[in-house]
PDB file of N, CA and C in Angstrom:
ATOM      1  N   MET A   1      64.924  82.497  92.825  1.00  0.00           N
ATOM      2  CA  MET A   1      64.686  83.901  93.088  1.00  0.00           C
ATOM      3  C   MET A   1      63.881  84.045  94.374  1.00  0.00           C
ATOM      4  N   ASN A   2      64.123  85.108  95.058  1.00  0.00           N
ATOM      5  CA  ASN A   2      63.467  85.422  96.309  1.00  0.00           C
ATOM      6  C   ASN A   2      61.947  85.561  96.104  1.00  0.00           C
ATOM      7  N   PRO A   3      61.140  84.876  96.933  1.00  0.00           N
ATOM      8  CA  PRO A   3      59.681  84.958  96.780  1.00  0.00           C
ATOM      9  C   PRO A   3      59.137  86.387  96.945  1.00  0.00           C
ATOM     10  N   GLU A   4      59.783  87.184  97.791  1.00  0.00           N
ATOM     11  CA  GLU A   4      59.322  88.565  97.976  1.00  0.00           C
ATOM     12  C   GLU A   4      59.555  89.387  96.711  1.00  0.00           C
ATOM     13  N   ARG A   5      60.672  89.152  96.018  1.00  0.00           N
ATOM     14  CA  ARG A   5      60.948  89.848  94.757  1.00  0.00           C
ATOM     15  C   ARG A   5      59.927  89.447  93.697  1.00  0.00           C
ATOM     16  N   LEU A   6      59.589  88.172  93.681  1.00  0.00           N
ATOM     17  CA  LEU A   6      58.575  87.706  92.732  1.00  0.00           C
ATOM     18  C   LEU A   6      57.230  88.376  92.998  1.00  0.00           C
ATOM     19  N   GLN A   7      56.906  88.511  94.266  1.00  0.00           N
ATOM     20  CA  GLN A   7      55.649  89.159  94.640  1.00  0.00           C
ATOM     21  C   GLN A   7      55.680  90.628  94.214  1.00  0.00           C
ATOM     22  N   LEU A   8      56.807  91.314  94.435  1.00  0.00           N
ATOM     23  CA  LEU A   8      56.932  92.708  94.013  1.00  0.00           C
ATOM     24  C   LEU A   8      56.803  92.839  92.503  1.00  0.00           C
ATOM     25  N   LYS A   9      57.424  91.913  91.761  1.00  0.00           N
ATOM     26  CA  LYS A   9      57.334  91.948  90.300  1.00  0.00           C
ATOM     27  C   LYS A   9      55.892  91.746  89.844  1.00  0.00           C
ATOM     28  N   GLY A  10      55.176  90.863  90.514  1.00  0.00           N
ATOM     29  CA  GLY A  10      53.763  90.645  90.194  1.00  0.00           C
ATOM     30  C   GLY A  10      52.935  91.886  90.467  1.00  0.00           C
ATOM     31  N   MET A  11      53.186  92.534  91.594  1.00  0.00           N
ATOM     32  CA  MET A  11      52.468  93.761  91.936  1.00  0.00           C
ATOM     33  C   MET A  11      52.784  94.862  90.927  1.00  0.00           C
ATOM     34  N   LEU A  12      54.048  94.932  90.504  1.00  0.00           N
ATOM     35  CA  LEU A  12      54.446  95.942  89.520  1.00  0.00           C
ATOM     36  C   LEU A  12      53.749  95.696  88.181  1.00  0.00           C
ATOM     37  N   ALA A  13      53.725  94.453  87.743  1.00  0.00           N
ATOM     38  CA  ALA A  13      53.075  94.120  86.472  1.00  0.00           C
ATOM     39  C   ALA A  13      51.580  94.438  86.526  1.00  0.00           C
ATOM     40  N   GLU A  14      50.947  94.110  87.630  1.00  0.00           N
ATOM     41  CA  GLU A  14      49.510  94.385  87.788  1.00  0.00           C
ATOM     42  C   GLU A  14      49.248  95.889  87.793  1.00  0.00           C
ATOM     43  N   SER A  15      50.089  96.639  88.479  1.00  0.00           N
ATOM     44  CA  SER A  15      49.927  98.096  88.529  1.00  0.00           C
ATOM     45  C   SER A  15      50.103  98.716  87.146  1.00  0.00           C
ATOM     46  N   LYS A  16      51.092  98.245  86.402  1.00  0.00           N
ATOM     47  CA  LYS A  16      51.315  98.763  85.050  1.00  0.00           C
ATOM     48  C   LYS A  16      50.138  98.430  84.135  1.00  0.00           C
ATOM     49  N   LYS A  17      49.586  97.237  84.289  1.00  0.00           N
ATOM     50  CA  LYS A  17      48.426  96.839  83.485  1.00  0.00           C
ATOM     51  C   LYS A  17      47.233  97.739  83.807  1.00  0.00           C
ATOM     52  N   ASN A  18      46.993  97.968  85.084  1.00  0.00           N
ATOM     53  CA  ASN A  18      45.885  98.842  85.491  1.00  0.00           C
ATOM     54  C   ASN A  18      46.097 100.266  84.986  1.00  0.00           C
ATOM     55  N   PHE A  19      47.350 100.736  85.022  1.00  0.00           N
ATOM     56  CA  PHE A  19      47.650 102.074  84.534  1.00  0.00           C
ATOM     57  C   PHE A  19      47.334 102.196  83.047  1.00  0.00           C
ATOM     58  N   ARG A  20      47.731 101.190  82.271  1.00  0.00           N
ATOM     59  CA  ARG A  20      47.457 101.220  80.821  1.00  0.00           C
ATOM     60  C   ARG A  20      45.954 101.198  80.546  1.00  0.00           C
ATOM     61  N   THR A  21      45.223 100.422  81.319  1.00  0.00           N
ATOM     62  CA  THR A  21      43.764 100.360  81.159  1.00  0.00           C
ATOM     63  C   THR A  21      43.134 101.723  81.446  1.00  0.00           C
ATOM     64  N   LEU A  22      43.567 102.358  82.526  1.00  0.00           N
ATOM     65  CA  LEU A  22      43.046 103.678  82.868  1.00  0.00           C
ATOM     66  C   LEU A  22      43.451 104.720  81.830  1.00  0.00           C
ATOM     67  N   ASP A  23      44.661 104.598  81.299  1.00  0.00           N
ATOM     68  CA  ASP A  23      45.120 105.532  80.272  1.00  0.00           C
ATOM     69  C   ASP A  23      44.248 105.433  79.024  1.00  0.00           C
ATOM     70  N   THR A  24      43.895 104.214  78.659  1.00  0.00           N
ATOM     71  CA  THR A  24      43.016 104.004  77.506  1.00  0.00           C
ATOM     72  C   THR A  24      41.632 104.601  77.776  1.00  0.00           C
ATOM     73  N   GLU A  25      41.126 104.385  78.973  1.00  0.00           N
ATOM     74  CA  GLU A  25      39.819 104.944  79.332  1.00  0.00           C
ATOM     75  C   GLU A  25      39.866 106.473  79.305  1.00  0.00           C
ATOM     76  N   ALA A  26      40.941 107.050  79.829  1.00  0.00           N
ATOM     77  CA  ALA A  26      41.070 108.511  79.849  1.00  0.00           C
ATOM     78  C   ALA A  26      41.078 109.069  78.428  1.00  0.00           C
ATOM     79  N   SER A  27      41.772 108.414  77.532  1.00  0.00           N
ATOM     80  CA  SER A  27      41.806 108.869  76.137  1.00  0.00           C
ATOM     81  C   SER A  27      40.408 108.858  75.526  1.00  0.00           C
ATOM     82  N   GLY A  28      39.669 107.801  75.794  1.00  0.00           N
ATOM     83  CA  GLY A  28      38.297 107.710  75.303  1.00  0.00           C
ATOM     84  C   GLY A  28      37.407 108.784  75.894  1.00  0.00           C
ATOM     85  N   LEU A  29      37.604 109.075  77.172  1.00  0.00           N
ATOM     86  CA  LEU A  29      36.800 110.114  77.821  1.00  0.00           C
ATOM     87  C   LEU A  29      37.088 111.494  77.237  1.00  0.00           C
ATOM     88  N   VAL A  30      38.349 111.758  76.930  1.00  0.00           N
ATOM     89  CA  VAL A  30      38.697 113.049  76.325  1.00  0.00           C
ATOM     90  C   VAL A  30      38.012 113.196  74.966  1.00  0.00           C
ATOM     91  N   ILE A  31      38.028 112.130  74.176  1.00  0.00           N
ATOM     92  CA  ILE A  31      37.369 112.153  72.868  1.00  0.00           C
ATOM     93  C   ILE A  31      35.873 112.386  73.036  1.00  0.00           C
ATOM     94  N   LEU A  32      35.279 111.707  74.010  1.00  0.00           N
ATOM     95  CA  LEU A  32      33.845 111.866  74.269  1.00  0.00           C
ATOM     96  C   LEU A  32      33.517 113.293  74.701  1.00  0.00           C
ATOM     97  N   ILE A  33      34.340 113.867  75.567  1.00  0.00           N
ATOM     98  CA  ILE A  33      34.109 115.246  76.026  1.00  0.00           C
ATOM     99  C   ILE A  33      34.181 116.212  74.853  1.00  0.00           C
ATOM    100  N   ARG A  34      35.162 116.003  73.988  1.00  0.00           N
ATOM    101  CA  ARG A  34      35.269 116.867  72.805  1.00  0.00           C
ATOM    102  C   ARG A  34      34.026 116.761  71.924  1.00  0.00           C
ATOM    103  N   ALA A  35      33.523 115.559  71.772  1.00  0.00           N
ATOM    104  CA  ALA A  35      32.324 115.368  70.952  1.00  0.00           C
ATOM    105  C   ALA A  35      31.110 116.016  71.610  1.00  0.00           C
ATOM    106  N   LEU A  36      31.008 115.884  72.930  1.00  0.00           N
ATOM    107  CA  LEU A  36      29.872 116.472  73.641  1.00  0.00           C
ATOM    108  C   LEU A  36      29.918 117.994  73.638  1.00  0.00           C
ATOM    109  N   LEU A  37      31.121 118.547  73.619  1.00  0.00           N
ATOM    110  CA  LEU A  37      31.285 119.999  73.601  1.00  0.00           C
ATOM    111  C   LEU A  37      31.545 120.497  72.181  1.00  0.00           C
ATOM    112  N   ASN A  38      30.703 120.083  71.287  1.00  0.00           N
ATOM    113  CA  ASN A  38      30.818 120.458  69.884  1.00  0.00           C
ATOM    114  C   ASN A  38      30.757 121.985  69.753  1.00  0.00           C
ATOM    115  N   PRO A  39      31.843 122.616  69.277  1.00  0.00           N
ATOM    116  CA  PRO A  39      31.841 124.084  69.189  1.00  0.00           C
ATOM    117  C   PRO A  39      30.893 124.625  68.121  1.00  0.00           C
ATOM    118  N   TYR A  40      30.395 123.780  67.264  1.00  0.00           N
ATOM    119  CA  TYR A  40      29.499 124.224  66.194  1.00  0.00           C
ATOM    120  C   TYR A  40      28.027 124.088  66.590  1.00  0.00           C
ATOM    121  N   GLU A  41      27.801 123.594  67.793  1.00  0.00           N
ATOM    122  CA  GLU A  41      26.439 123.413  68.303  1.00  0.00           C
ATOM    123  C   GLU A  41      26.094 124.589  69.214  1.00  0.00           C
ATOM    124  N   ASP A  42      24.822 124.976  69.222  1.00  0.00           N
ATOM    125  CA  ASP A  42      24.383 126.015  70.152  1.00  0.00           C
ATOM    126  C   ASP A  42      24.558 125.521  71.584  1.00  0.00           C
ATOM    127  N   ILE A  43      24.936 126.432  72.455  1.00  0.00           N
ATOM    128  CA  ILE A  43      25.150 126.087  73.862  1.00  0.00           C
ATOM    129  C   ILE A  43      23.896 125.452  74.469  1.00  0.00           C
ATOM    130  N   LYS A  44      22.745 125.958  74.117  1.00  0.00           N
ATOM    131  CA  LYS A  44      21.501 125.451  74.711  1.00  0.00           C
ATOM    132  C   LYS A  44      21.197 124.021  74.278  1.00  0.00           C
ATOM    133  N   ASN A  45      21.835 123.538  73.210  1.00  0.00           N
ATOM    134  CA  ASN A  45      21.589 122.174  72.734  1.00  0.00           C
ATOM    135  C   ASN A  45      22.594 121.158  73.274  1.00  0.00           C
ATOM    136  N   LEU A  46      23.599 121.621  74.012  1.00  0.00           N
ATOM    137  CA  LEU A  46      24.593 120.704  74.564  1.00  0.00           C
ATOM    138  C   LEU A  46      24.014 119.949  75.758  1.00  0.00           C
ATOM    139  N   ASP A  47      24.366 118.685  75.874  1.00  0.00           N
ATOM    140  CA  ASP A  47      23.908 117.859  76.999  1.00  0.00           C
ATOM    141  C   ASP A  47      24.913 118.011  78.143  1.00  0.00           C
ATOM    142  N   MET A  48      24.709 119.039  78.946  1.00  0.00           N
ATOM    143  CA  MET A  48      25.667 119.369  79.994  1.00  0.00           C
ATOM    144  C   MET A  48      25.703 118.337  81.110  1.00  0.00           C
ATOM    145  N   ASP A  49      24.616 117.589  81.302  1.00  0.00           N
ATOM    146  CA  ASP A  49      24.636 116.531  82.309  1.00  0.00           C
ATOM    147  C   ASP A  49      25.635 115.444  81.918  1.00  0.00           C
ATOM    148  N   LYS A  50      25.635 115.066  80.642  1.00  0.00           N
ATOM    149  CA  LYS A  50      26.594 114.070  80.163  1.00  0.00           C
ATOM    150  C   LYS A  50      28.016 114.610  80.262  1.00  0.00           C
ATOM    151  N   VAL A  51      28.188 115.873  79.927  1.00  0.00           N
ATOM    152  CA  VAL A  51      29.517 116.490  80.016  1.00  0.00           C
ATOM    153  C   VAL A  51      30.018 116.437  81.454  1.00  0.00           C
ATOM    154  N   LEU A  52      29.165 116.811  82.395  1.00  0.00           N
ATOM    155  CA  LEU A  52      29.545 116.835  83.804  1.00  0.00           C
ATOM    156  C   LEU A  52      29.932 115.446  84.305  1.00  0.00           C
ATOM    157  N   VAL A  53      29.118 114.454  84.004  1.00  0.00           N
ATOM    158  CA  VAL A  53      29.403 113.081  84.431  1.00  0.00           C
ATOM    159  C   VAL A  53      30.717 112.594  83.824  1.00  0.00           C
ATOM    160  N   THR A  54      30.941 112.902  82.558  1.00  0.00           N
ATOM    161  CA  THR A  54      32.145 112.451  81.864  1.00  0.00           C
ATOM    162  C   THR A  54      33.385 113.131  82.424  1.00  0.00           C
ATOM    163  N   VAL A  55      33.290 114.424  82.692  1.00  0.00           N
ATOM    164  CA  VAL A  55      34.430 115.150  83.250  1.00  0.00           C
ATOM    165  C   VAL A  55      34.744 114.657  84.663  1.00  0.00           C
ATOM    166  N   LYS A  56      33.722 114.379  85.446  1.00  0.00           N
ATOM    167  CA  LYS A  56      33.958 113.835  86.790  1.00  0.00           C
ATOM    168  C   LYS A  56      34.663 112.484  86.710  1.00  0.00           C
ATOM    169  N   ARG A  57      34.244 111.637  85.778  1.00  0.00           N
ATOM    170  CA  ARG A  57      34.896 110.329  85.617  1.00  0.00           C
ATOM    171  C   ARG A  57      36.348 110.513  85.181  1.00  0.00           C
ATOM    172  N   LEU A  58      36.590 111.463  84.276  1.00  0.00           N
ATOM    173  CA  LEU A  58      37.959 111.732  83.833  1.00  0.00           C
ATOM    174  C   LEU A  58      38.817 112.198  85.002  1.00  0.00           C
ATOM    175  N   LYS A  59      38.269 113.016  85.876  1.00  0.00           N
ATOM    176  CA  LYS A  59      39.001 113.474  87.060  1.00  0.00           C
ATOM    177  C   LYS A  59      39.344 112.285  87.954  1.00  0.00           C
ATOM    178  N   ASP A  60      38.377 111.399  88.183  1.00  0.00           N
ATOM    179  CA  ASP A  60      38.620 110.212  89.008  1.00  0.00           C
ATOM    180  C   ASP A  60      39.700 109.323  88.391  1.00  0.00           C
ATOM    181  N   VAL A  61      39.618 109.122  87.085  1.00  0.00           N
ATOM    182  CA  VAL A  61      40.603 108.292  86.391  1.00  0.00           C
ATOM    183  C   VAL A  61      41.985 108.924  86.507  1.00  0.00           C
ATOM    184  N   SER A  62      42.044 110.233  86.349  1.00  0.00           N
ATOM    185  CA  SER A  62      43.318 110.947  86.447  1.00  0.00           C
ATOM    186  C   SER A  62      43.935 110.787  87.837  1.00  0.00           C
ATOM    187  N   GLU A  63      43.125 110.884  88.862  1.00  0.00           N
ATOM    188  CA  GLU A  63      43.617 110.707  90.236  1.00  0.00           C
ATOM    189  C   GLU A  63      44.095 109.274  90.463  1.00  0.00           C
ATOM    190  N   GLU A  64      43.362 108.292  89.947  1.00  0.00           N
ATOM    191  CA  GLU A  64      43.781 106.890  90.067  1.00  0.00           C
ATOM    192  C   GLU A  64      45.107 106.658  89.349  1.00  0.00           C
ATOM    193  N   MET A  65      45.253 107.286  88.179  1.00  0.00           N
ATOM    194  CA  MET A  65      46.496 107.133  87.414  1.00  0.00           C
ATOM    195  C   MET A  65      47.681 107.726  88.182  1.00  0.00           C
ATOM    196  N   GLN A  66      47.472 108.864  88.836  1.00  0.00           N
ATOM    197  CA  GLN A  66      48.553 109.469  89.614  1.00  0.00           C
ATOM    198  C   GLN A  66      48.950 108.574  90.779  1.00  0.00           C
ATOM    199  N   THR A  67      47.965 108.003  91.449  1.00  0.00           N
ATOM    200  CA  THR A  67      48.239 107.083  92.551  1.00  0.00           C
ATOM    201  C   THR A  67      49.016 105.868  92.058  1.00  0.00           C
ATOM    202  N   LEU A  68      48.584 105.319  90.918  1.00  0.00           N
ATOM    203  CA  LEU A  68      49.281 104.164  90.356  1.00  0.00           C
ATOM    204  C   LEU A  68      50.694 104.519  89.901  1.00  0.00           C
ATOM    205  N   ALA A  69      50.873 105.696  89.333  1.00  0.00           N
ATOM    206  CA  ALA A  69      52.203 106.122  88.891  1.00  0.00           C
ATOM    207  C   ALA A  69      53.155 106.197  90.085  1.00  0.00           C
ATOM    208  N   ASP A  70      52.665 106.716  91.197  1.00  0.00           N
ATOM    209  CA  ASP A  70      53.483 106.782  92.412  1.00  0.00           C
ATOM    210  C   ASP A  70      53.819 105.382  92.914  1.00  0.00           C
ATOM    211  N   LYS A  71      52.824 104.493  92.881  1.00  0.00           N
ATOM    212  CA  LYS A  71      53.038 103.117  93.330  1.00  0.00           C
ATOM    213  C   LYS A  71      54.052 102.409  92.425  1.00  0.00           C
ATOM    214  N   ILE A  72      53.942 102.630  91.121  1.00  0.00           N
ATOM    215  CA  ILE A  72      54.869 102.009  90.171  1.00  0.00           C
ATOM    216  C   ILE A  72      56.290 102.486  90.430  1.00  0.00           C
ATOM    217  N   LYS A  73      56.467 103.784  90.649  1.00  0.00           N
ATOM    218  CA  LYS A  73      57.800 104.310  90.960  1.00  0.00           C
ATOM    219  C   LYS A  73      58.354 103.666  92.206  1.00  0.00           C
ATOM    220  N   ARG A  74      57.521 103.555  93.238  1.00  0.00           N
ATOM    221  CA  ARG A  74      57.964 102.972  94.506  1.00  0.00           C
ATOM    222  C   ARG A  74      58.363 101.515  94.326  1.00  0.00           C
ATOM    223  N   LEU A  75      57.533 100.754  93.598  1.00  0.00           N
ATOM    224  CA  LEU A  75      57.833  99.339  93.382  1.00  0.00           C
ATOM    225  C   LEU A  75      59.103  99.169  92.555  1.00  0.00           C
ATOM    226  N   GLU A  76      59.279 100.003  91.535  1.00  0.00           N
ATOM    227  CA  GLU A  76      60.480  99.910  90.711  1.00  0.00           C
ATOM    228  C   GLU A  76      61.735 100.231  91.521  1.00  0.00           C
ATOM    229  N   SER A  77      61.636 101.214  92.427  1.00  0.00           N
ATOM    230  CA  SER A  77      62.800 101.550  93.242  1.00  0.00           C
ATOM    231  C   SER A  77      63.106 100.425  94.244  1.00  0.00           C
ATOM    232  N   GLU A  78      62.101  99.735  94.718  1.00  0.00           N
ATOM    233  CA  GLU A  78      62.321  98.618  95.636  1.00  0.00           C
ATOM    234  C   GLU A  78      62.938  97.418  94.926  1.00  0.00           C
ATOM    235  N   LEU A  79      62.705  97.304  93.638  1.00  0.00           N
ATOM    236  CA  LEU A  79      63.260  96.177  92.877  1.00  0.00           C
ATOM    237  C   LEU A  79      64.696  96.417  92.427  1.00  0.00           C
ATOM    238  N   GLU A  80      65.168  97.642  92.502  1.00  0.00           N
ATOM    239  CA  GLU A  80      66.540  97.941  92.080  1.00  0.00           C
ATOM    240  C   GLU A  80      67.554  97.437  93.057  1.00  0.00           C
TER     241      GLU A  80
END
């Protein structure tokens, strides 16, 4: 097999692995945000600093996932 194809397959596998890792992290962050924004708690008792940090991390993870999704599509089209 062509060494360049092998390299592309390796890059694709690594990108997919990173995407799955980020997807798992994003799911955990959503659960954490829901817990931090407990609707049964008074607003004044919510830890808004933790909420803000968690939401910012979720935004970063989401952007990384979009970048990886684009890269995965590109690599898959190059392998066809």
